[in-house]
Amino acid sequence: MPIEEGKAAPAFKLQDQDGNVVSLADFKGKQNVVLYFYPKDDTPGCTKEACGFRDFNKELQKLGTAVLGVSADSGASHQKFIGKYKLNFPLLSDPDRKVMTAYGAYGEKMLYGKKTVGVIRSTVLIGKDGKVKKHWARVASAEKHPEQVLNVVRELD
């Protein structure tokens, strides 16, 4: 089932870098959620994207929006990535890729001109009501993407 703007976002429960369970229900009625999916901790594109969200996070928080990064990496890997780049938001582990699959962030993609199966860099902006406000199905520029997300969040309020 594809992610559709205006429809309810799929529920999820995943562990963060410290082993705490984070669920979409935790934010309902309280905060918007930027749920972004990325292939791997501490790789060039993923680092640029994470640092962009880090740099815009204070403004996003003022706009009532939480940032959550999701990859298949372990909690220990997430802890190192957060420490190395001073990330100021949780990273969630989806080792069996169930949440990624539910959100259309895992599947067939082109990598260096070849078809492969893997994590598709994508982002879903979920409103306080639990509905999808915006879906970036394939992020073209990891570096520019956090600012694009911030601009859309600014338009929400």
C-alpha atoms as a PDB file:
ATOM      1  CA  MET A   1       0.000   0.000   0.000  1.00  0.00           C
ATOM      2  CA  PRO A   2       1.603   3.266  -1.088  1.00  0.00           C
ATOM      3  CA  ILE A   3       1.886   6.239   1.242  1.00  0.00           C
ATOM      4  CA  GLU A   4      -0.780   8.767   0.305  1.00  0.00           C
ATOM      5  CA  GLU A   5      -0.962  12.390   1.364  1.00  0.00           C
ATOM      6  CA  GLY A   6      -4.100  13.002   3.416  1.00  0.00           C
ATOM      7  CA  LYS A   7      -4.308   9.377   4.614  1.00  0.00           C
ATOM      8  CA  ALA A   8      -3.303   7.981   7.996  1.00  0.00           C
ATOM      9  CA  ALA A   9       0.404   7.187   8.301  1.00  0.00           C
ATOM     10  CA  PRO A  10       1.194   3.534   9.106  1.00  0.00           C
ATOM     11  CA  ALA A  11       1.645   2.962  12.835  1.00  0.00           C
ATOM     12  CA  PHE A  12       5.102   1.940  13.991  1.00  0.00           C
ATOM     13  CA  LYS A  13       7.070   1.010  17.101  1.00  0.00           C
ATOM     14  CA  LEU A  14      10.859   0.965  16.846  1.00  0.00           C
ATOM     15  CA  GLN A  15      13.761   1.182  19.281  1.00  0.00           C
ATOM     16  CA  ASP A  16      15.888   4.303  19.363  1.00  0.00           C
ATOM     17  CA  GLN A  17      19.663   4.436  19.845  1.00  0.00           C
ATOM     18  CA  ASP A  18      19.238   3.840  23.609  1.00  0.00           C
ATOM     19  CA  GLY A  19      16.778   0.945  23.325  1.00  0.00           C
ATOM     20  CA  ASN A  20      13.698   3.058  24.147  1.00  0.00           C
ATOM     21  CA  VAL A  21      10.579   2.200  22.168  1.00  0.00           C
ATOM     22  CA  VAL A  22       9.323   5.086  20.046  1.00  0.00           C
ATOM     23  CA  SER A  23       5.914   4.889  18.381  1.00  0.00           C
ATOM     24  CA  LEU A  24       3.940   7.163  16.090  1.00  0.00           C
ATOM     25  CA  ALA A  25       1.212   7.228  18.753  1.00  0.00           C
ATOM     26  CA  ASP A  26       3.653   9.048  21.107  1.00  0.00           C
ATOM     27  CA  PHE A  27       3.342  12.170  18.937  1.00  0.00           C
ATOM     28  CA  LYS A  28      -0.372  12.135  18.035  1.00  0.00           C
ATOM     29  CA  GLY A  29      -2.087  15.351  19.026  1.00  0.00           C
ATOM     30  CA  LYS A  30       1.232  16.808  20.226  1.00  0.00           C
ATOM     31  CA  GLN A  31       3.760  17.175  17.399  1.00  0.00           C
ATOM     32  CA  ASN A  32       4.217  16.785  13.665  1.00  0.00           C
ATOM     33  CA  VAL A  33       6.796  14.139  12.761  1.00  0.00           C
ATOM     34  CA  VAL A  34       9.478  14.212  10.077  1.00  0.00           C
ATOM     35  CA  LEU A  35      10.171  10.507   9.548  1.00  0.00           C
ATOM     36  CA  TYR A  36      13.139  10.178   7.256  1.00  0.00           C
ATOM     37  CA  PHE A  37      14.571   6.923   5.953  1.00  0.00           C
ATOM     38  CA  TYR A  38      18.241   6.636   5.040  1.00  0.00           C
ATOM     39  CA  PRO A  39      20.491   3.758   3.935  1.00  0.00           C
ATOM     40  CA  LYS A  40      23.397   3.711   6.426  1.00  0.00           C
ATOM     41  CA  ASP A  41      24.940   5.544   9.372  1.00  0.00           C
ATOM     42  CA  ASP A  42      28.098   7.566   8.715  1.00  0.00           C
ATOM     43  CA  THR A  43      28.091   7.367   4.914  1.00  0.00           C
ATOM     44  CA  PRO A  44      28.578  10.597   2.904  1.00  0.00           C
ATOM     45  CA  GLY A  45      24.993  11.292   1.762  1.00  0.00           C
ATOM     46  CA  CYS A  46      23.434  10.091   4.998  1.00  0.00           C
ATOM     47  CA  THR A  47      25.809  12.257   7.034  1.00  0.00           C
ATOM     48  CA  LYS A  48      24.968  15.383   4.996  1.00  0.00           C
ATOM     49  CA  GLU A  49      21.257  14.712   5.419  1.00  0.00           C
ATOM     50  CA  ALA A  50      21.518  14.012   9.167  1.00  0.00           C
ATOM     51  CA  CYS A  51      23.646  17.134   9.750  1.00  0.00           C
ATOM     52  CA  GLY A  52      21.101  19.202   7.803  1.00  0.00           C
ATOM     53  CA  PHE A  53      18.283  17.982  10.035  1.00  0.00           C
ATOM     54  CA  ARG A  54      20.527  18.635  13.052  1.00  0.00           C
ATOM     55  CA  ASP A  55      21.122  22.225  11.922  1.00  0.00           C
ATOM     56  CA  PHE A  56      17.391  22.899  11.321  1.00  0.00           C
ATOM     57  CA  ASN A  57      16.122  20.939  14.329  1.00  0.00           C
ATOM     58  CA  LYS A  58      15.765  23.911  16.697  1.00  0.00           C
ATOM     59  CA  GLU A  59      13.535  25.696  14.181  1.00  0.00           C
ATOM     60  CA  LEU A  60      11.572  22.513  13.469  1.00  0.00           C
ATOM     61  CA  GLN A  61      11.001  22.043  17.219  1.00  0.00           C
ATOM     62  CA  LYS A  62       9.728  25.636  17.488  1.00  0.00           C
ATOM     63  CA  LEU A  63       7.280  24.725  14.713  1.00  0.00           C
ATOM     64  CA  GLY A  64       6.040  21.768  16.795  1.00  0.00           C
ATOM     65  CA  THR A  65       7.815  19.136  14.731  1.00  0.00           C
ATOM     66  CA  ALA A  66       9.953  16.179  15.822  1.00  0.00           C
ATOM     67  CA  VAL A  67      12.628  14.623  13.592  1.00  0.00           C
ATOM     68  CA  LEU A  68      13.157  10.846  13.558  1.00  0.00           C
ATOM     69  CA  GLY A  69      15.767   9.138  11.384  1.00  0.00           C
ATOM     70  CA  VAL A  70      15.272   5.474  10.456  1.00  0.00           C
ATOM     71  CA  SER A  71      17.763   2.943   9.115  1.00  0.00           C
ATOM     72  CA  ALA A  72      18.483  -0.760   9.573  1.00  0.00           C
ATOM     73  CA  ASP A  73      21.596   0.040  11.643  1.00  0.00           C
ATOM     74  CA  SER A  74      21.893  -1.121  15.262  1.00  0.00           C
ATOM     75  CA  GLY A  75      21.439   1.066  18.322  1.00  0.00           C
ATOM     76  CA  ALA A  76      25.205   0.974  18.915  1.00  0.00           C
ATOM     77  CA  SER A  77      25.847   2.196  15.369  1.00  0.00           C
ATOM     78  CA  HIS A  78      23.277   4.968  15.866  1.00  0.00           C
ATOM     79  CA  GLN A  79      24.964   6.002  19.145  1.00  0.00           C
ATOM     80  CA  LYS A  80      28.333   6.377  17.377  1.00  0.00           C
ATOM     81  CA  PHE A  81      26.754   8.333  14.501  1.00  0.00           C
ATOM     82  CA  ILE A  82      24.939  10.667  16.940  1.00  0.00           C
ATOM     83  CA  GLY A  83      28.101  11.189  18.996  1.00  0.00           C
ATOM     84  CA  LYS A  84      30.369  11.821  16.022  1.00  0.00           C
ATOM     85  CA  TYR A  85      28.107  14.470  14.453  1.00  0.00           C
ATOM     86  CA  LYS A  86      26.344  15.756  17.614  1.00  0.00           C
ATOM     87  CA  LEU A  87      22.924  14.843  16.222  1.00  0.00           C
ATOM     88  CA  ASN A  88      20.091  16.269  18.311  1.00  0.00           C
ATOM     89  CA  PHE A  89      17.254  13.897  17.415  1.00  0.00           C
ATOM     90  CA  PRO A  90      16.594  10.153  17.801  1.00  0.00           C
ATOM     91  CA  LEU A  91      17.665   7.522  15.287  1.00  0.00           C
ATOM     92  CA  LEU A  92      15.449   4.454  15.116  1.00  0.00           C
ATOM     93  CA  SER A  93      16.515   0.921  14.220  1.00  0.00           C
ATOM     94  CA  ASP A  94      14.443  -1.067  11.728  1.00  0.00           C
ATOM     95  CA  PRO A  95      16.634  -4.189  11.314  1.00  0.00           C
ATOM     96  CA  ASP A  96      13.929  -6.294   9.645  1.00  0.00           C
ATOM     97  CA  ARG A  97      12.913  -3.326   7.438  1.00  0.00           C
ATOM     98  CA  LYS A  98       9.195  -3.795   8.230  1.00  0.00           C
ATOM     99  CA  VAL A  99       8.561  -0.095   8.846  1.00  0.00           C
ATOM    100  CA  MET A 100      10.648   0.867   5.809  1.00  0.00           C
ATOM    101  CA  THR A 101       8.574  -1.505   3.705  1.00  0.00           C
ATOM    102  CA  ALA A 102       5.291  -0.134   5.104  1.00  0.00           C
ATOM    103  CA  TYR A 103       6.416   3.377   4.181  1.00  0.00           C
ATOM    104  CA  GLY A 104       7.670   2.454   0.697  1.00  0.00           C
ATOM    105  CA  ALA A 105      11.258   3.121   1.771  1.00  0.00           C
ATOM    106  CA  TYR A 106      12.586  -0.327   0.945  1.00  0.00           C
ATOM    107  CA  GLY A 107      12.513  -1.979  -2.442  1.00  0.00           C
ATOM    108  CA  GLU A 108      13.872  -1.844  -5.950  1.00  0.00           C
ATOM    109  CA  LYS A 109      16.016   1.148  -6.838  1.00  0.00           C
ATOM    110  CA  MET A 110      18.743   2.159  -9.247  1.00  0.00           C
ATOM    111  CA  LEU A 111      22.254   2.336  -7.839  1.00  0.00           C
ATOM    112  CA  TYR A 112      25.066   3.350 -10.159  1.00  0.00           C
ATOM    113  CA  GLY A 113      22.963   2.402 -13.169  1.00  0.00           C
ATOM    114  CA  LYS A 114      22.051  -1.061 -11.839  1.00  0.00           C
ATOM    115  CA  LYS A 115      18.781  -2.283 -10.389  1.00  0.00           C
ATOM    116  CA  THR A 116      19.199  -3.305  -6.789  1.00  0.00           C
ATOM    117  CA  VAL A 117      17.035  -3.833  -3.711  1.00  0.00           C
ATOM    118  CA  GLY A 118      17.683  -1.642  -0.714  1.00  0.00           C
ATOM    119  CA  VAL A 119      16.710   1.362   1.353  1.00  0.00           C
ATOM    120  CA  ILE A 120      15.149   4.158  -0.684  1.00  0.00           C
ATOM    121  CA  ARG A 121      16.069   7.570   0.743  1.00  0.00           C
ATOM    122  CA  SER A 122      12.674   9.081   1.452  1.00  0.00           C
ATOM    123  CA  THR A 123      10.813  11.222   3.963  1.00  0.00           C
ATOM    124  CA  VAL A 124       7.266  11.387   5.265  1.00  0.00           C
ATOM    125  CA  LEU A 125       5.905  14.462   7.053  1.00  0.00           C
ATOM    126  CA  ILE A 126       3.151  13.353   9.422  1.00  0.00           C
ATOM    127  CA  GLY A 127       0.796  15.880  10.993  1.00  0.00           C
ATOM    128  CA  LYS A 128      -0.287  16.002  14.626  1.00  0.00           C
ATOM    129  CA  ASP A 129      -3.454  14.247  13.464  1.00  0.00           C
ATOM    130  CA  GLY A 130      -1.419  11.227  12.314  1.00  0.00           C
ATOM    131  CA  LYS A 131      -2.084  11.903   8.629  1.00  0.00           C
ATOM    132  CA  VAL A 132       0.543  12.176   5.902  1.00  0.00           C
ATOM    133  CA  LYS A 133       1.022  15.837   4.987  1.00  0.00           C
ATOM    134  CA  LYS A 134       3.829  15.314   2.466  1.00  0.00           C
ATOM    135  CA  HIS A 135       5.714  12.337   1.062  1.00  0.00           C
ATOM    136  CA  TRP A 136       9.072  12.643  -0.634  1.00  0.00           C
ATOM    137  CA  ALA A 137       9.186   9.175  -2.218  1.00  0.00           C
ATOM    138  CA  ARG A 138      12.727   9.525  -3.537  1.00  0.00           C
ATOM    139  CA  VAL A 139      15.020  12.223  -2.205  1.00  0.00           C
ATOM    140  CA  ALA A 140      17.207  13.566  -5.005  1.00  0.00           C
ATOM    141  CA  SER A 141      19.690  15.557  -2.906  1.00  0.00           C
ATOM    142  CA  ALA A 142      20.430  14.396   0.635  1.00  0.00           C
ATOM    143  CA  GLU A 143      22.242  17.675   1.273  1.00  0.00           C
ATOM    144  CA  LYS A 144      19.390  20.011   0.176  1.00  0.00           C
ATOM    145  CA  HIS A 145      16.527  17.882   1.463  1.00  0.00           C
ATOM    146  CA  PRO A 146      16.372  19.021   5.137  1.00  0.00           C
ATOM    147  CA  GLU A 147      15.809  22.631   4.024  1.00  0.00           C
ATOM    148  CA  GLN A 148      13.038  21.492   1.628  1.00  0.00           C
ATOM    149  CA  VAL A 149      11.355  19.725   4.558  1.00  0.00           C
ATOM    150  CA  LEU A 150      11.701  22.798   6.793  1.00  0.00           C
ATOM    151  CA  ASN A 151      10.070  24.990   4.114  1.00  0.00           C
ATOM    152  CA  VAL A 152       7.049  22.654   3.943  1.00  0.00           C
ATOM    153  CA  VAL A 153       6.783  22.516   7.765  1.00  0.00           C
ATOM    154  CA  ARG A 154       6.765  26.336   7.843  1.00  0.00           C
ATOM    155  CA  GLU A 155       3.711  26.278   5.550  1.00  0.00           C
ATOM    156  CA  LEU A 156       1.795  23.903   7.867  1.00  0.00           C
ATOM    157  CA  ASP A 157       1.103  26.446  10.599  1.00  0.00           C
END
